[in-house]
Amino acid sequence: MDFYCAPAGLVIELDGSQHYDPQGMAYNAERSEFLKALGLEVLRFSNRDVDRQFNGVCEQIDIVIRERIKALSVTCGDSSPKVGAE
């Protein structure tokens, strides 16, 4: 796990080349299923995506964090201020 955002229940994985061989892909799938069973969402980005499309990766992460926090606050009945609320 490279990054974890607890309020959004979001795990972010940055995958290098070792993640794309058969053993790495099997491990990633097993690990992702385990994390999903805990109610976490897993986002995966290749190192190449981060290097070449950094802003796009950051935008995608931001979108998912906002969606997850909104969904979790509705599910949990949270009345605290929301991300981006003014």
Protein backbone atom coordinates (compact mmCIF):
# COMPACT_ATOMS: atom_id res chain seq x y z
CA MET A 1 0.00 0.00 0.00
CA ASP A 2 1.59 3.22 -1.12
CA PHE A 3 -0.96 5.70 0.19
CA TYR A 4 -4.05 5.45 2.37
CA CYS A 5 -6.77 8.04 2.89
CA ALA A 6 -8.70 6.90 5.96
CA PRO A 7 -11.60 9.39 5.73
CA ALA A 8 -12.35 8.15 2.19
CA GLY A 9 -11.49 4.51 2.79
CA LEU A 10 -9.17 4.74 -0.20
CA VAL A 11 -5.98 2.83 -0.92
CA ILE A 12 -3.71 4.09 -3.68
CA GLU A 13 -1.21 1.72 -5.24
CA LEU A 14 1.58 2.85 -7.54
CA ASP A 15 2.68 -0.11 -9.60
CA GLY A 16 6.16 -0.60 -10.98
CA SER A 17 7.17 -3.22 -13.53
CA GLN A 18 7.18 -6.07 -10.98
CA HIS A 19 3.42 -5.69 -10.69
CA TYR A 20 2.89 -6.74 -14.32
CA ASP A 21 4.43 -10.19 -14.33
CA PRO A 22 2.05 -13.12 -13.67
CA GLN A 23 3.07 -13.48 -10.03
CA GLY A 24 2.75 -9.75 -9.37
CA MET A 25 -0.64 -9.56 -11.06
CA ALA A 26 -1.95 -12.50 -9.04
CA TYR A 27 -0.70 -10.92 -5.81
CA ASN A 28 -2.29 -7.56 -6.73
CA ALA A 29 -5.65 -9.20 -7.45
CA GLU A 30 -5.61 -11.11 -4.16
CA ARG A 31 -4.57 -8.06 -2.18
CA SER A 32 -7.17 -5.84 -3.85
CA GLU A 33 -9.94 -8.34 -3.08
CA PHE A 34 -8.84 -8.48 0.56
CA LEU A 35 -8.88 -4.68 0.84
CA LYS A 36 -12.27 -4.45 -0.91
CA ALA A 37 -13.66 -6.98 1.58
CA LEU A 38 -12.69 -4.48 4.29
CA GLY A 39 -14.80 -1.83 2.55
CA LEU A 40 -11.83 -0.03 1.01
CA GLU A 41 -11.56 1.13 -2.56
CA VAL A 42 -8.28 0.49 -4.35
CA LEU A 43 -6.94 2.76 -7.07
CA ARG A 44 -3.97 1.53 -9.07
CA PHE A 45 -1.72 3.66 -11.25
CA SER A 46 1.40 2.60 -13.06
CA ASN A 47 4.59 4.49 -12.32
CA ARG A 48 4.54 5.43 -16.00
CA ASP A 49 1.10 7.06 -15.62
CA VAL A 50 2.34 9.05 -12.64
CA ASP A 51 5.44 10.18 -14.55
CA ARG A 52 3.64 11.07 -17.77
CA GLN A 53 0.20 12.16 -16.58
CA PHE A 54 0.78 13.40 -13.04
CA ASN A 55 -1.98 16.01 -13.10
CA GLY A 56 -4.50 13.54 -14.50
CA VAL A 57 -3.62 11.00 -11.81
CA CYS A 58 -4.03 13.65 -9.12
CA GLU A 59 -7.39 14.74 -10.56
CA GLN A 60 -8.65 11.15 -10.59
CA ILE A 61 -7.57 10.66 -6.97
CA ASP A 62 -9.29 13.92 -5.98
CA ILE A 63 -12.53 12.91 -7.70
CA VAL A 64 -12.60 9.51 -6.02
CA ILE A 65 -11.78 10.94 -2.58
CA ARG A 66 -14.61 13.47 -2.85
CA GLU A 67 -17.09 10.83 -4.07
CA ARG A 68 -16.10 8.36 -1.36
CA ILE A 69 -16.27 10.90 1.47
CA LYS A 70 -19.68 12.07 0.26
CA ALA A 71 -21.00 8.50 -0.03
CA LEU A 72 -19.57 7.45 3.32
CA SER A 73 -20.96 10.52 5.10
CA VAL A 74 -24.45 9.80 3.73
CA THR A 75 -24.21 6.12 4.66
CA CYS A 76 -22.97 6.89 8.16
CA GLY A 77 -25.29 9.85 8.74
CA ASP A 78 -22.35 12.15 9.32
CA SER A 79 -23.34 15.79 9.71
CA SER A 80 -19.80 17.19 9.79
CA PRO A 81 -18.66 19.63 7.10
CA LYS A 82 -17.90 17.95 3.78
CA VAL A 83 -14.74 18.30 1.72
CA GLY A 84 -15.10 21.33 -0.52
CA ALA A 85 -18.18 22.60 1.34
CA GLU A 86 -18.18 26.29 2.08
